[in-house]
């Protein structure tokens, strides 16, 4: 079964990978730099914002979701929703009151 006639499958340009890698290195440097600054309660907010930016770069460019079909976008979104469900389930478990005898 030859898929070459149905789908044009091309490799992303090397420049895109270099730009994404450079972005991730800059964000790594920014993460380390911000860790030395006391922002009070905003430390976690800034750290999570940087982490989300790095996550989106990896998902969209390194994993190829940006150039993918709608089915790829669907499964990427489904994986993210599954992660959120696991996160909120753990949050519910972590904040339940301790019951003596269990």
N, C-alpha and C. Protein backbone atom coordinates (compact mmCIF):
# COMPACT_ATOMS: atom_id res chain seq x y z
N UNK A 1 0.85 -1.17 0.00
CA UNK A 1 0.00 0.00 0.00
C UNK A 1 0.90 1.24 0.00
N UNK A 2 0.79 2.02 -1.01
CA UNK A 2 1.64 3.18 -1.19
C UNK A 2 0.86 4.44 -0.82
N UNK A 3 1.34 5.14 0.20
CA UNK A 3 0.67 6.35 0.66
C UNK A 3 1.21 7.61 -0.01
N UNK A 4 2.22 7.48 -0.82
CA UNK A 4 2.85 8.67 -1.39
C UNK A 4 1.92 9.39 -2.35
N UNK A 5 1.01 8.69 -2.97
CA UNK A 5 0.11 9.36 -3.91
C UNK A 5 -1.04 10.09 -3.20
N UNK A 6 -1.36 9.68 -1.97
CA UNK A 6 -2.47 10.30 -1.25
C UNK A 6 -2.02 11.47 -0.38
N UNK A 7 -0.85 11.38 0.19
CA UNK A 7 -0.41 12.39 1.14
C UNK A 7 0.99 12.85 0.80
N UNK A 8 1.16 14.15 0.80
CA UNK A 8 2.50 14.71 0.63
C UNK A 8 3.12 14.82 2.01
N UNK A 9 4.12 14.02 2.26
CA UNK A 9 4.76 13.99 3.58
C UNK A 9 6.16 14.55 3.43
N UNK A 10 6.35 15.75 3.94
CA UNK A 10 7.66 16.37 3.82
C UNK A 10 8.23 16.65 5.20
N UNK A 11 9.53 16.68 5.26
CA UNK A 11 10.22 16.96 6.53
C UNK A 11 10.23 18.46 6.78
N UNK A 12 10.06 18.87 8.02
CA UNK A 12 10.13 20.29 8.35
C UNK A 12 11.55 20.83 8.10
N UNK A 13 11.66 22.10 7.82
CA UNK A 13 12.99 22.66 7.57
C UNK A 13 13.86 22.66 8.83
N UNK A 14 15.14 22.52 8.63
CA UNK A 14 16.08 22.50 9.74
C UNK A 14 16.07 23.82 10.50
N UNK A 15 15.80 24.91 9.80
CA UNK A 15 15.75 26.24 10.43
C UNK A 15 14.69 26.29 11.53
N UNK A 16 13.58 25.60 11.32
CA UNK A 16 12.51 25.56 12.32
C UNK A 16 12.98 24.85 13.59
N UNK A 17 13.70 23.74 13.44
CA UNK A 17 14.21 23.02 14.60
C UNK A 17 15.26 23.84 15.35
N UNK A 18 16.11 24.52 14.62
CA UNK A 18 17.13 25.35 15.25
C UNK A 18 16.48 26.51 16.00
N UNK A 19 15.46 27.13 15.40
CA UNK A 19 14.76 28.24 16.06
C UNK A 19 14.05 27.75 17.32
N UNK A 20 13.42 26.59 17.25
CA UNK A 20 12.72 26.05 18.42
C UNK A 20 13.72 25.69 19.52
N UNK A 21 14.82 25.08 19.15
CA UNK A 21 15.85 24.73 20.12
C UNK A 21 16.42 25.99 20.77
N UNK A 22 16.64 27.03 19.98
CA UNK A 22 17.14 28.30 20.52
C UNK A 22 16.13 28.91 21.48
N UNK A 23 14.86 28.85 21.11
CA UNK A 23 13.80 29.35 21.99
C UNK A 23 13.81 28.60 23.32
N UNK A 24 13.96 27.28 23.27
CA UNK A 24 13.98 26.48 24.49
C UNK A 24 15.20 26.81 25.35
N UNK A 25 16.34 27.07 24.73
CA UNK A 25 17.52 27.45 25.50
C UNK A 25 17.34 28.81 26.17
N UNK A 26 16.74 29.75 25.45
CA UNK A 26 16.47 31.07 26.04
C UNK A 26 15.50 30.94 27.20
N UNK A 27 14.48 30.11 27.03
CA UNK A 27 13.50 29.92 28.11
C UNK A 27 14.15 29.21 29.30
N UNK A 28 15.09 28.32 29.06
CA UNK A 28 15.82 27.68 30.15
C UNK A 28 16.63 28.72 30.91
N UNK A 29 17.32 29.58 30.18
CA UNK A 29 18.09 30.64 30.82
C UNK A 29 17.17 31.55 31.63
N UNK A 30 16.00 31.89 31.06
CA UNK A 30 15.03 32.74 31.75
C UNK A 30 14.51 32.06 33.02
N UNK A 31 14.28 30.76 32.96
CA UNK A 31 13.83 30.02 34.13
C UNK A 31 14.85 30.09 35.26
N UNK A 32 16.11 29.88 34.91
CA UNK A 32 17.17 29.94 35.92
C UNK A 32 17.30 31.36 36.46
N UNK A 33 17.25 32.36 35.59
CA UNK A 33 17.38 33.76 36.02
C UNK A 33 16.24 34.16 36.95
N UNK A 34 15.02 33.76 36.63
CA UNK A 34 13.87 34.12 37.46
C UNK A 34 13.91 33.40 38.80
N UNK A 35 14.53 32.23 38.84
CA UNK A 35 14.59 31.50 40.11
C UNK A 35 15.42 32.23 41.16
N UNK A 36 16.31 33.11 40.73
CA UNK A 36 17.13 33.87 41.66
C UNK A 36 16.46 35.17 42.11
N UNK A 37 15.32 35.51 41.51
CA UNK A 37 14.62 36.75 41.86
C UNK A 37 13.44 36.39 42.76
N UNK A 38 13.29 37.10 43.86
CA UNK A 38 12.18 36.85 44.77
C UNK A 38 10.99 37.69 44.32
N UNK A 39 10.02 37.03 43.73
CA UNK A 39 8.81 37.71 43.28
C UNK A 39 7.64 37.49 44.21
N UNK A 40 7.89 36.88 45.33
CA UNK A 40 6.82 36.60 46.28
C UNK A 40 5.89 35.53 45.74
N UNK A 41 4.59 35.80 45.81
CA UNK A 41 3.64 34.80 45.33
C UNK A 41 3.63 34.64 43.81
N UNK A 42 4.29 35.52 43.09
CA UNK A 42 4.32 35.42 41.63
C UNK A 42 5.39 34.46 41.12
N UNK A 43 6.23 33.93 42.00
CA UNK A 43 7.27 32.99 41.56
C UNK A 43 6.66 31.80 40.83
N UNK A 44 5.64 31.20 41.41
CA UNK A 44 5.01 30.04 40.78
C UNK A 44 4.30 30.41 39.49
N UNK A 45 3.69 31.57 39.45
CA UNK A 45 2.98 32.00 38.25
C UNK A 45 3.96 32.18 37.10
N UNK A 46 5.07 32.84 37.36
CA UNK A 46 6.07 33.07 36.32
C UNK A 46 6.69 31.75 35.88
N UNK A 47 7.01 30.88 36.82
CA UNK A 47 7.61 29.59 36.48
C UNK A 47 6.65 28.74 35.64
N UNK A 48 5.39 28.72 35.99
CA UNK A 48 4.41 27.95 35.22
C UNK A 48 4.17 28.55 33.84
N UNK A 49 4.21 29.87 33.74
CA UNK A 49 4.04 30.52 32.43
C UNK A 49 5.20 30.14 31.50
N UNK A 50 6.40 30.15 32.02
CA UNK A 50 7.56 29.75 31.22
C UNK A 50 7.45 28.27 30.85
N UNK A 51 7.03 27.45 31.79
CA UNK A 51 6.90 26.01 31.53
C UNK A 51 5.85 25.73 30.46
N UNK A 52 4.75 26.46 30.49
CA UNK A 52 3.70 26.27 29.48
C UNK A 52 4.21 26.71 28.10
N UNK A 53 4.97 27.79 28.04
CA UNK A 53 5.53 28.24 26.77
C UNK A 53 6.48 27.19 26.20
N UNK A 54 7.31 26.59 27.05
CA UNK A 54 8.22 25.54 26.60
C UNK A 54 7.44 24.30 26.16
N UNK A 55 6.40 23.95 26.91
CA UNK A 55 5.59 22.80 26.56
C UNK A 55 4.92 22.98 25.20
N UNK A 56 4.40 24.17 24.96
CA UNK A 56 3.73 24.43 23.68
C UNK A 56 4.73 24.37 22.52
N UNK A 57 5.94 24.86 22.72
CA UNK A 57 6.96 24.80 21.67
C UNK A 57 7.30 23.35 21.33
N UNK A 58 7.44 22.52 22.35
CA UNK A 58 7.77 21.12 22.12
C UNK A 58 6.63 20.40 21.42
N UNK A 59 5.41 20.61 21.88
CA UNK A 59 4.26 19.93 21.29
C UNK A 59 4.03 20.39 19.85
N UNK A 60 4.03 21.69 19.63
CA UNK A 60 3.69 22.20 18.30
C UNK A 60 4.77 21.94 17.27
N UNK A 61 6.03 22.11 17.64
CA UNK A 61 7.09 22.04 16.64
C UNK A 61 7.86 20.72 16.65
N UNK A 62 8.37 20.31 17.80
CA UNK A 62 9.15 19.07 17.84
C UNK A 62 8.28 17.85 17.58
N UNK A 63 7.06 17.85 18.11
CA UNK A 63 6.18 16.71 17.91
C UNK A 63 5.39 16.81 16.62
N UNK A 64 5.46 17.95 15.94
CA UNK A 64 4.84 18.09 14.63
C UNK A 64 3.34 18.30 14.64
N UNK A 65 2.78 18.71 15.75
CA UNK A 65 1.33 18.89 15.81
C UNK A 65 0.89 20.09 14.97
N UNK A 66 1.72 21.11 14.90
CA UNK A 66 1.33 22.31 14.15
C UNK A 66 1.08 22.00 12.68
N UNK A 67 1.88 21.14 12.09
CA UNK A 67 1.72 20.80 10.68
C UNK A 67 0.85 19.56 10.49
N UNK A 68 0.29 19.04 11.57
CA UNK A 68 -0.48 17.81 11.50
C UNK A 68 -1.92 18.03 11.04
N UNK A 69 -2.58 16.93 10.80
CA UNK A 69 -3.98 16.97 10.37
C UNK A 69 -4.88 17.26 11.57
N UNK A 70 -6.16 17.37 11.29
CA UNK A 70 -7.12 17.61 12.37
C UNK A 70 -7.17 16.42 13.34
N UNK A 71 -6.90 15.24 12.83
CA UNK A 71 -6.86 14.07 13.70
C UNK A 71 -5.70 14.15 14.69
N UNK A 72 -4.56 14.65 14.25
CA UNK A 72 -3.42 14.84 15.14
C UNK A 72 -3.76 15.87 16.21
N UNK A 73 -4.40 16.96 15.79
CA UNK A 73 -4.82 17.99 16.76
C UNK A 73 -5.82 17.42 17.76
N UNK A 74 -6.72 16.59 17.27
CA UNK A 74 -7.72 15.97 18.15
C UNK A 74 -7.03 15.13 19.23
N UNK A 75 -6.08 14.28 18.84
CA UNK A 75 -5.42 13.41 19.81
C UNK A 75 -4.51 14.19 20.74
N UNK A 76 -3.91 15.25 20.25
CA UNK A 76 -3.11 16.10 21.14
C UNK A 76 -4.02 16.77 22.18
N UNK A 77 -5.17 17.25 21.76
CA UNK A 77 -6.12 17.86 22.69
C UNK A 77 -6.66 16.81 23.66
N UNK A 78 -6.93 15.61 23.17
CA UNK A 78 -7.43 14.55 24.05
C UNK A 78 -6.39 14.20 25.11
N UNK A 79 -5.13 14.15 24.73
CA UNK A 79 -4.07 13.88 25.70
C UNK A 79 -3.96 14.98 26.74
N UNK A 80 -4.12 16.23 26.31
CA UNK A 80 -4.07 17.35 27.24
C UNK A 80 -5.26 17.32 28.20
N UNK A 81 -6.44 17.00 27.69
CA UNK A 81 -7.63 16.89 28.54
C UNK A 81 -7.46 15.74 29.54
N UNK A 82 -6.89 14.63 29.08
CA UNK A 82 -6.63 13.51 29.98
C UNK A 82 -5.67 13.93 31.09
N UNK A 83 -4.63 14.69 30.74
CA UNK A 83 -3.70 15.20 31.74
C UNK A 83 -4.43 16.06 32.76
N UNK A 84 -5.32 16.95 32.30
CA UNK A 84 -6.07 17.80 33.22
C UNK A 84 -6.96 16.97 34.15
N UNK A 85 -7.59 15.94 33.61
CA UNK A 85 -8.41 15.07 34.46
C UNK A 85 -7.57 14.40 35.54
N UNK A 86 -6.39 13.92 35.16
CA UNK A 86 -5.51 13.30 36.15
C UNK A 86 -5.04 14.32 37.19
N UNK A 87 -4.74 15.52 36.76
CA UNK A 87 -4.28 16.57 37.65
C UNK A 87 -5.37 16.93 38.66
N UNK A 88 -6.61 17.11 38.19
CA UNK A 88 -7.69 17.48 39.10
C UNK A 88 -8.10 16.31 40.00
N UNK A 89 -7.95 15.09 39.52
CA UNK A 89 -8.22 13.93 40.37
C UNK A 89 -7.21 13.87 41.51
N UNK A 90 -5.94 14.09 41.18
CA UNK A 90 -4.91 14.10 42.22
C UNK A 90 -5.15 15.25 43.19
N UNK A 91 -5.57 16.41 42.66
CA UNK A 91 -5.87 17.55 43.52
C UNK A 91 -6.99 17.26 44.49
N UNK A 92 -8.02 16.57 44.01
CA UNK A 92 -9.13 16.18 44.88
C UNK A 92 -8.63 15.23 45.96
N UNK A 93 -7.81 14.29 45.59
CA UNK A 93 -7.28 13.32 46.55
C UNK A 93 -6.38 14.01 47.58
N UNK A 94 -5.56 14.95 47.14
CA UNK A 94 -4.60 15.58 48.03
C UNK A 94 -5.27 16.50 49.07
N UNK A 95 -6.41 17.08 48.74
CA UNK A 95 -7.03 18.04 49.63
C UNK A 95 -8.22 17.51 50.41
N UNK A 96 -8.41 16.21 50.38
CA UNK A 96 -9.46 15.62 51.22
C UNK A 96 -9.00 15.60 52.66
N UNK A 97 -9.94 15.75 53.58
CA UNK A 97 -9.54 15.72 55.01
C UNK A 97 -9.12 14.30 55.41
N UNK A 98 -8.19 14.23 56.34
CA UNK A 98 -7.76 12.93 56.86
C UNK A 98 -8.85 12.36 57.75
N UNK A 99 -9.18 11.11 57.54
CA UNK A 99 -10.18 10.44 58.36
C UNK A 99 -9.46 9.41 59.21
N UNK A 100 -9.63 9.52 60.52
CA UNK A 100 -8.96 8.62 61.44
C UNK A 100 -9.60 7.24 61.30
N UNK A 101 -8.74 6.23 61.21
CA UNK A 101 -9.23 4.86 61.12
C UNK A 101 -9.22 4.30 59.72
N UNK A 102 -8.88 5.07 58.74
CA UNK A 102 -8.84 4.57 57.37
C UNK A 102 -7.45 4.16 57.03
